[in-house]
PDB file of N, CA and C in Angstrom:
ATOM      1  N   MET A   1      -8.149   9.561  -8.098  1.00  0.00           N
ATOM      2  CA  MET A   1      -6.708   9.584  -7.993  1.00  0.00           C
ATOM      3  C   MET A   1      -6.183   8.208  -7.568  1.00  0.00           C
ATOM      4  N   LEU A   2      -6.813   7.625  -6.576  1.00  0.00           N
ATOM      5  CA  LEU A   2      -6.398   6.317  -6.071  1.00  0.00           C
ATOM      6  C   LEU A   2      -6.518   5.249  -7.149  1.00  0.00           C
ATOM      7  N   LYS A   3      -7.581   5.317  -7.961  1.00  0.00           N
ATOM      8  CA  LYS A   3      -7.776   4.344  -9.040  1.00  0.00           C
ATOM      9  C   LYS A   3      -6.630   4.384 -10.043  1.00  0.00           C
ATOM     10  N   ILE A   4      -6.190   5.587 -10.389  1.00  0.00           N
ATOM     11  CA  ILE A   4      -5.088   5.737 -11.338  1.00  0.00           C
ATOM     12  C   ILE A   4      -3.805   5.131 -10.770  1.00  0.00           C
ATOM     13  N   LEU A   5      -3.558   5.354  -9.488  1.00  0.00           N
ATOM     14  CA  LEU A   5      -2.363   4.804  -8.847  1.00  0.00           C
ATOM     15  C   LEU A   5      -2.386   3.282  -8.839  1.00  0.00           C
ATOM     16  N   VAL A   6      -3.515   2.710  -8.446  1.00  0.00           N
ATOM     17  CA  VAL A   6      -3.641   1.246  -8.386  1.00  0.00           C
ATOM     18  C   VAL A   6      -3.506   0.644  -9.782  1.00  0.00           C
ATOM     19  N   LYS A   7      -4.129   1.273 -10.767  1.00  0.00           N
ATOM     20  CA  LYS A   7      -4.065   0.783 -12.147  1.00  0.00           C
ATOM     21  C   LYS A   7      -2.631   0.838 -12.680  1.00  0.00           C
ATOM     22  N   SER A   8      -1.911   1.898 -12.348  1.00  0.00           N
ATOM     23  CA  SER A   8      -0.541   2.024 -12.844  1.00  0.00           C
ATOM     24  C   SER A   8       0.382   0.965 -12.245  1.00  0.00           C
ATOM     25  N   VAL A   9       0.101   0.521 -11.024  1.00  0.00           N
ATOM     26  CA  VAL A   9       0.874  -0.570 -10.427  1.00  0.00           C
ATOM     27  C   VAL A   9       0.625  -1.854 -11.214  1.00  0.00           C
ATOM     28  N   SER A  10      -0.630  -2.123 -11.535  1.00  0.00           N
ATOM     29  CA  SER A  10      -0.999  -3.347 -12.244  1.00  0.00           C
ATOM     30  C   SER A  10      -0.370  -3.427 -13.630  1.00  0.00           C
ATOM     31  N   TYR A  11      -0.371  -2.295 -14.345  1.00  0.00           N
ATOM     32  CA  TYR A  11       0.107  -2.285 -15.728  1.00  0.00           C
ATOM     33  C   TYR A  11       1.546  -1.792 -15.880  1.00  0.00           C
ATOM     34  N   GLY A  12       2.153  -1.307 -14.815  1.00  0.00           N
ATOM     35  CA  GLY A  12       3.520  -0.813 -14.884  1.00  0.00           C
ATOM     36  C   GLY A  12       3.653   0.490 -15.655  1.00  0.00           C
ATOM     37  N   ASP A  13       2.587   1.293 -15.665  1.00  0.00           N
ATOM     38  CA  ASP A  13       2.582   2.550 -16.406  1.00  0.00           C
ATOM     39  C   ASP A  13       3.442   3.612 -15.718  1.00  0.00           C
ATOM     40  N   LEU A  14       4.013   4.477 -16.528  1.00  0.00           N
ATOM     41  CA  LEU A  14       4.685   5.672 -16.006  1.00  0.00           C
ATOM     42  C   LEU A  14       3.654   6.779 -15.920  1.00  0.00           C
ATOM     43  N   LEU A  15       3.799   7.637 -14.919  1.00  0.00           N
ATOM     44  CA  LEU A  15       2.877   8.751 -14.730  1.00  0.00           C
ATOM     45  C   LEU A  15       3.660  10.053 -14.602  1.00  0.00           C
ATOM     46  N   ASP A  16       3.096  11.122 -15.140  1.00  0.00           N
ATOM     47  CA  ASP A  16       3.591  12.461 -14.854  1.00  0.00           C
ATOM     48  C   ASP A  16       2.736  13.003 -13.723  1.00  0.00           C
ATOM     49  N   MET A  17       3.381  13.552 -12.701  1.00  0.00           N
ATOM     50  CA  MET A  17       2.668  13.966 -11.502  1.00  0.00           C
ATOM     51  C   MET A  17       3.047  15.398 -11.133  1.00  0.00           C
ATOM     52  N   MET A  18       2.061  16.172 -10.743  1.00  0.00           N
ATOM     53  CA  MET A  18       2.281  17.477 -10.124  1.00  0.00           C
ATOM     54  C   MET A  18       2.103  17.234  -8.631  1.00  0.00           C
ATOM     55  N   TYR A  19       3.105  17.610  -7.832  1.00  0.00           N
ATOM     56  CA  TYR A  19       3.116  17.270  -6.415  1.00  0.00           C
ATOM     57  C   TYR A  19       3.423  18.495  -5.563  1.00  0.00           C
ATOM     58  N   LEU A  20       2.675  18.633  -4.482  1.00  0.00           N
ATOM     59  CA  LEU A  20       2.875  19.707  -3.517  1.00  0.00           C
ATOM     60  C   LEU A  20       3.764  19.188  -2.386  1.00  0.00           C
ATOM     61  N   ALA A  21       4.967  19.720  -2.285  1.00  0.00           N
ATOM     62  CA  ALA A  21       5.922  19.280  -1.269  1.00  0.00           C
ATOM     63  C   ALA A  21       5.579  19.872   0.102  1.00  0.00           C
ATOM     64  N   LYS A  22       6.242  19.364   1.131  1.00  0.00           N
ATOM     65  CA  LYS A  22       6.017  19.833   2.505  1.00  0.00           C
ATOM     66  C   LYS A  22       6.255  21.337   2.644  1.00  0.00           C
ATOM     67  N   ASP A  23       7.257  21.847   1.936  1.00  0.00           N
ATOM     68  CA  ASP A  23       7.604  23.265   2.052  1.00  0.00           C
ATOM     69  C   ASP A  23       6.737  24.178   1.184  1.00  0.00           C
ATOM     70  N   GLY A  24       5.755  23.600   0.499  1.00  0.00           N
ATOM     71  CA  GLY A  24       4.826  24.397  -0.297  1.00  0.00           C
ATOM     72  C   GLY A  24       5.199  24.550  -1.759  1.00  0.00           C
ATOM     73  N   THR A  25       6.341  24.017  -2.160  1.00  0.00           N
ATOM     74  CA  THR A  25       6.729  24.103  -3.566  1.00  0.00           C
ATOM     75  C   THR A  25       6.005  23.033  -4.378  1.00  0.00           C
ATOM     76  N   ILE A  26       5.758  23.365  -5.626  1.00  0.00           N
ATOM     77  CA  ILE A  26       5.094  22.422  -6.530  1.00  0.00           C
ATOM     78  C   ILE A  26       6.137  21.920  -7.520  1.00  0.00           C
ATOM     79  N   THR A  27       6.219  20.589  -7.650  1.00  0.00           N
ATOM     80  CA  THR A  27       7.175  19.995  -8.585  1.00  0.00           C
ATOM     81  C   THR A  27       6.448  19.090  -9.565  1.00  0.00           C
ATOM     82  N   GLN A  28       7.039  18.973 -10.754  1.00  0.00           N
ATOM     83  CA  GLN A  28       6.535  18.017 -11.739  1.00  0.00           C
ATOM     84  C   GLN A  28       7.517  16.859 -11.760  1.00  0.00           C
ATOM     85  N   ARG A  29       6.981  15.650 -11.622  1.00  0.00           N
ATOM     86  CA  ARG A  29       7.831  14.464 -11.556  1.00  0.00           C
ATOM     87  C   ARG A  29       7.291  13.375 -12.466  1.00  0.00           C
ATOM     88  N   ARG A  30       8.195  12.578 -13.003  1.00  0.00           N
ATOM     89  CA  ARG A  30       7.797  11.367 -13.730  1.00  0.00           C
ATOM     90  C   ARG A  30       8.063  10.213 -12.766  1.00  0.00           C
ATOM     91  N   ILE A  31       7.042   9.395 -12.556  1.00  0.00           N
ATOM     92  CA  ILE A  31       7.151   8.325 -11.562  1.00  0.00           C
ATOM     93  C   ILE A  31       6.664   6.989 -12.112  1.00  0.00           C
ATOM     94  N   LYS A  32       7.116   5.919 -11.460  1.00  0.00           N
ATOM     95  CA  LYS A  32       6.592   4.577 -11.683  1.00  0.00           C
ATOM     96  C   LYS A  32       6.147   4.077 -10.317  1.00  0.00           C
ATOM     97  N   VAL A  33       4.844   3.890 -10.152  1.00  0.00           N
ATOM     98  CA  VAL A  33       4.279   3.511  -8.859  1.00  0.00           C
ATOM     99  C   VAL A  33       4.617   2.059  -8.552  1.00  0.00           C
ATOM    100  N   LEU A  34       5.104   1.816  -7.342  1.00  0.00           N
ATOM    101  CA  LEU A  34       5.506   0.479  -6.921  1.00  0.00           C
ATOM    102  C   LEU A  34       4.521  -0.148  -5.942  1.00  0.00           C
ATOM    103  N   GLN A  35       3.949   0.672  -5.057  1.00  0.00           N
ATOM    104  CA  GLN A  35       3.074   0.160  -4.002  1.00  0.00           C
ATOM    105  C   GLN A  35       2.144   1.283  -3.549  1.00  0.00           C
ATOM    106  N   VAL A  36       0.873   0.937  -3.322  1.00  0.00           N
ATOM    107  CA  VAL A  36      -0.111   1.934  -2.908  1.00  0.00           C
ATOM    108  C   VAL A  36      -0.683   1.546  -1.554  1.00  0.00           C
ATOM    109  N   GLY A  37      -0.681   2.505  -0.617  1.00  0.00           N
ATOM    110  CA  GLY A  37      -1.276   2.318   0.697  1.00  0.00           C
ATOM    111  C   GLY A  37      -2.525   3.173   0.827  1.00  0.00           C
ATOM    112  N   GLU A  38      -3.027   3.318   2.040  1.00  0.00           N
ATOM    113  CA  GLU A  38      -4.246   4.099   2.267  1.00  0.00           C
ATOM    114  C   GLU A  38      -3.992   5.605   2.186  1.00  0.00           C
ATOM    115  N   VAL A  39      -2.851   6.058   2.718  1.00  0.00           N
ATOM    116  CA  VAL A  39      -2.558   7.490   2.747  1.00  0.00           C
ATOM    117  C   VAL A  39      -1.359   7.882   1.888  1.00  0.00           C
ATOM    118  N   SER A  40      -0.527   6.919   1.559  1.00  0.00           N
ATOM    119  CA  SER A  40       0.673   7.226   0.793  1.00  0.00           C
ATOM    120  C   SER A  40       0.959   6.117  -0.218  1.00  0.00           C
ATOM    121  N   PHE A  41       1.942   6.384  -1.075  1.00  0.00           N
ATOM    122  CA  PHE A  41       2.360   5.365  -2.038  1.00  0.00           C
ATOM    123  C   PHE A  41       3.859   5.469  -2.277  1.00  0.00           C
ATOM    124  N   ARG A  42       4.474   4.348  -2.661  1.00  0.00           N
ATOM    125  CA  ARG A  42       5.898   4.280  -2.990  1.00  0.00           C
ATOM    126  C   ARG A  42       6.019   4.303  -4.496  1.00  0.00           C
ATOM    127  N   ALA A  43       6.986   5.043  -4.978  1.00  0.00           N
ATOM    128  CA  ALA A  43       7.207   5.127  -6.414  1.00  0.00           C
ATOM    129  C   ALA A  43       8.672   5.411  -6.692  1.00  0.00           C
ATOM    130  N   TYR A  44       9.106   4.991  -7.881  1.00  0.00           N
ATOM    131  CA  TYR A  44      10.436   5.391  -8.331  1.00  0.00           C
ATOM    132  C   TYR A  44      10.283   6.760  -8.969  1.00  0.00           C
ATOM    133  N   CYS A  45      11.036   7.729  -8.495  1.00  0.00           N
ATOM    134  CA  CYS A  45      10.975   9.098  -8.995  1.00  0.00           C
ATOM    135  C   CYS A  45      12.156   9.318  -9.945  1.00  0.00           C
ATOM    136  N   TYR A  46      11.860   9.574 -11.219  1.00  0.00           N
ATOM    137  CA  TYR A  46      12.910   9.789 -12.208  1.00  0.00           C
ATOM    138  C   TYR A  46      13.595  11.138 -12.016  1.00  0.00           C
ATOM    139  N   LEU A  47      12.941  12.101 -11.390  1.00  0.00           N
ATOM    140  CA  LEU A  47      13.547  13.400 -11.109  1.00  0.00           C
ATOM    141  C   LEU A  47      14.694  13.245 -10.104  1.00  0.00           C
ATOM    142  N   ARG A  48      14.458  12.506  -9.038  1.00  0.00           N
ATOM    143  CA  ARG A  48      15.461  12.305  -7.986  1.00  0.00           C
ATOM    144  C   ARG A  48      16.323  11.062  -8.213  1.00  0.00           C
ATOM    145  N   GLY A  49      15.846  10.132  -9.066  1.00  0.00           N
ATOM    146  CA  GLY A  49      16.608   8.928  -9.357  1.00  0.00           C
ATOM    147  C   GLY A  49      16.618   7.921  -8.228  1.00  0.00           C
ATOM    148  N   THR A  50      15.544   7.885  -7.436  1.00  0.00           N
ATOM    149  CA  THR A  50      15.460   6.973  -6.297  1.00  0.00           C
ATOM    150  C   THR A  50      14.002   6.678  -5.958  1.00  0.00           C
ATOM    151  N   LYS A  51      13.793   5.678  -5.110  1.00  0.00           N
ATOM    152  CA  LYS A  51      12.439   5.370  -4.635  1.00  0.00           C
ATOM    153  C   LYS A  51      12.052   6.392  -3.577  1.00  0.00           C
ATOM    154  N   ARG A  52      10.813   6.869  -3.671  1.00  0.00           N
ATOM    155  CA  ARG A  52      10.315   7.884  -2.742  1.00  0.00           C
ATOM    156  C   ARG A  52       8.936   7.498  -2.245  1.00  0.00           C
ATOM    157  N   THR A  53       8.540   8.058  -1.103  1.00  0.00           N
ATOM    158  CA  THR A  53       7.194   7.889  -0.575  1.00  0.00           C
ATOM    159  C   THR A  53       6.468   9.220  -0.732  1.00  0.00           C
ATOM    160  N   PHE A  54       5.270   9.172  -1.323  1.00  0.00           N
ATOM    161  CA  PHE A  54       4.476  10.363  -1.565  1.00  0.00           C
ATOM    162  C   PHE A  54       3.150  10.260  -0.823  1.00  0.00           C
ATOM    163  N   ILE A  55       2.640  11.381  -0.348  1.00  0.00           N
ATOM    164  CA  ILE A  55       1.341  11.428   0.318  1.00  0.00           C
ATOM    165  C   ILE A  55       0.279  11.664  -0.760  1.00  0.00           C
ATOM    166  N   ILE A  56      -0.738  10.813  -0.788  1.00  0.00           N
ATOM    167  CA  ILE A  56      -1.758  10.875  -1.833  1.00  0.00           C
ATOM    168  C   ILE A  56      -2.469  12.225  -1.849  1.00  0.00           C
ATOM    169  N   ASP A  57      -2.748  12.783  -0.683  1.00  0.00           N
ATOM    170  CA  ASP A  57      -3.455  14.073  -0.613  1.00  0.00           C
ATOM    171  C   ASP A  57      -2.641  15.231  -1.189  1.00  0.00           C
ATOM    172  N   ASN A  58      -1.325  15.075  -1.315  1.00  0.00           N
ATOM    173  CA  ASN A  58      -0.477  16.135  -1.857  1.00  0.00           C
ATOM    174  C   ASN A  58      -0.315  16.054  -3.381  1.00  0.00           C
ATOM    175  N   VAL A  59      -0.895  15.040  -3.997  1.00  0.00           N
ATOM    176  CA  VAL A  59      -0.832  14.912  -5.450  1.00  0.00           C
ATOM    177  C   VAL A  59      -1.870  15.850  -6.051  1.00  0.00           C
ATOM    178  N   LEU A  60      -1.412  16.758  -6.909  1.00  0.00           N
ATOM    179  CA  LEU A  60      -2.303  17.725  -7.533  1.00  0.00           C
ATOM    180  C   LEU A  60      -2.865  17.210  -8.851  1.00  0.00           C
ATOM    181  N   ALA A  61      -2.068  16.441  -9.603  1.00  0.00           N
ATOM    182  CA  ALA A  61      -2.509  15.902 -10.889  1.00  0.00           C
ATOM    183  C   ALA A  61      -1.667  14.690 -11.260  1.00  0.00           C
ATOM    184  N   LEU A  62      -2.312  13.744 -11.953  1.00  0.00           N
ATOM    185  CA  LEU A  62      -1.633  12.558 -12.484  1.00  0.00           C
ATOM    186  C   LEU A  62      -2.042  12.380 -13.934  1.00  0.00           C
ATOM    187  N   VAL A  63      -1.060  12.160 -14.806  1.00  0.00           N
ATOM    188  CA  VAL A  63      -1.338  11.936 -16.220  1.00  0.00           C
ATOM    189  C   VAL A  63      -0.489  10.764 -16.687  1.00  0.00           C
ATOM    190  N   PRO A  64      -1.111   9.732 -17.274  1.00  0.00           N
ATOM    191  CA  PRO A  64      -0.327   8.615 -17.814  1.00  0.00           C
ATOM    192  C   PRO A  64       0.575   9.092 -18.953  1.00  0.00           C
ATOM    193  N   VAL A  65       1.769   8.547 -19.023  1.00  0.00           N
ATOM    194  CA  VAL A  65       2.721   8.884 -20.082  1.00  0.00           C
ATOM    195  C   VAL A  65       2.413   8.011 -21.286  1.00  0.00           C
ATOM    196  N   SER A  66       2.264   8.633 -22.442  1.00  0.00           N
ATOM    197  CA  SER A  66       1.946   7.875 -23.662  1.00  0.00           C
ATOM    198  C   SER A  66       3.160   7.089 -24.120  1.00  0.00           C
ATOM    199  N   GLN A  67       2.944   6.083 -24.941  1.00  0.00           N
ATOM    200  CA  GLN A  67       4.026   5.242 -25.447  1.00  0.00           C
ATOM    201  C   GLN A  67       5.033   6.055 -26.246  1.00  0.00           C
ATOM    202  N   LYS A  68       4.585   7.051 -27.010  1.00  0.00           N
ATOM    203  CA  LYS A  68       5.491   7.883 -27.801  1.00  0.00           C
ATOM    204  C   LYS A  68       6.470   8.614 -26.893  1.00  0.00           C
ATOM    205  N   GLU A  69       5.963   9.165 -25.792  1.00  0.00           N
ATOM    206  CA  GLU A  69       6.829   9.887 -24.864  1.00  0.00           C
ATOM    207  C   GLU A  69       7.817   8.945 -24.193  1.00  0.00           C
ATOM    208  N   ARG A  70       7.401   7.718 -23.910  1.00  0.00           N
ATOM    209  CA  ARG A  70       8.287   6.743 -23.291  1.00  0.00           C
ATOM    210  C   ARG A  70       9.469   6.446 -24.199  1.00  0.00           C
ATOM    211  N   ASP A  71       9.219   6.343 -25.504  1.00  0.00           N
ATOM    212  CA  ASP A  71      10.267   6.008 -26.453  1.00  0.00           C
ATOM    213  C   ASP A  71      11.309   7.118 -26.571  1.00  0.00           C
ATOM    214  N   VAL A  72      10.907   8.351 -26.346  1.00  0.00           N
ATOM    215  CA  VAL A  72      11.818   9.486 -26.445  1.00  0.00           C
ATOM    216  C   VAL A  72      12.801   9.493 -25.293  1.00  0.00           C
ATOM    217  N   ILE A  73      12.327   9.144 -24.121  1.00  0.00           N
ATOM    218  CA  ILE A  73      13.181   9.192 -22.917  1.00  0.00           C
ATOM    219  C   ILE A  73      13.919   7.945 -22.718  1.00  0.00           C
TER     220      ILE A  73
END
């Protein structure tokens, strides 16, 4: 998981993420990772339209967004 985050910062890739929130809800978000730390990372969240901090352990899945999908949005 950490490798994908670090790689996406280097290449500026967009990621689709399944995330477990503090209240136990699961959300799907499209993000652009800006900075990666040891326990958390900063990313621009397209769902909320702002920069957010996410806890790495709460990430359930990460999938790179293909170029075709980027062109649609």
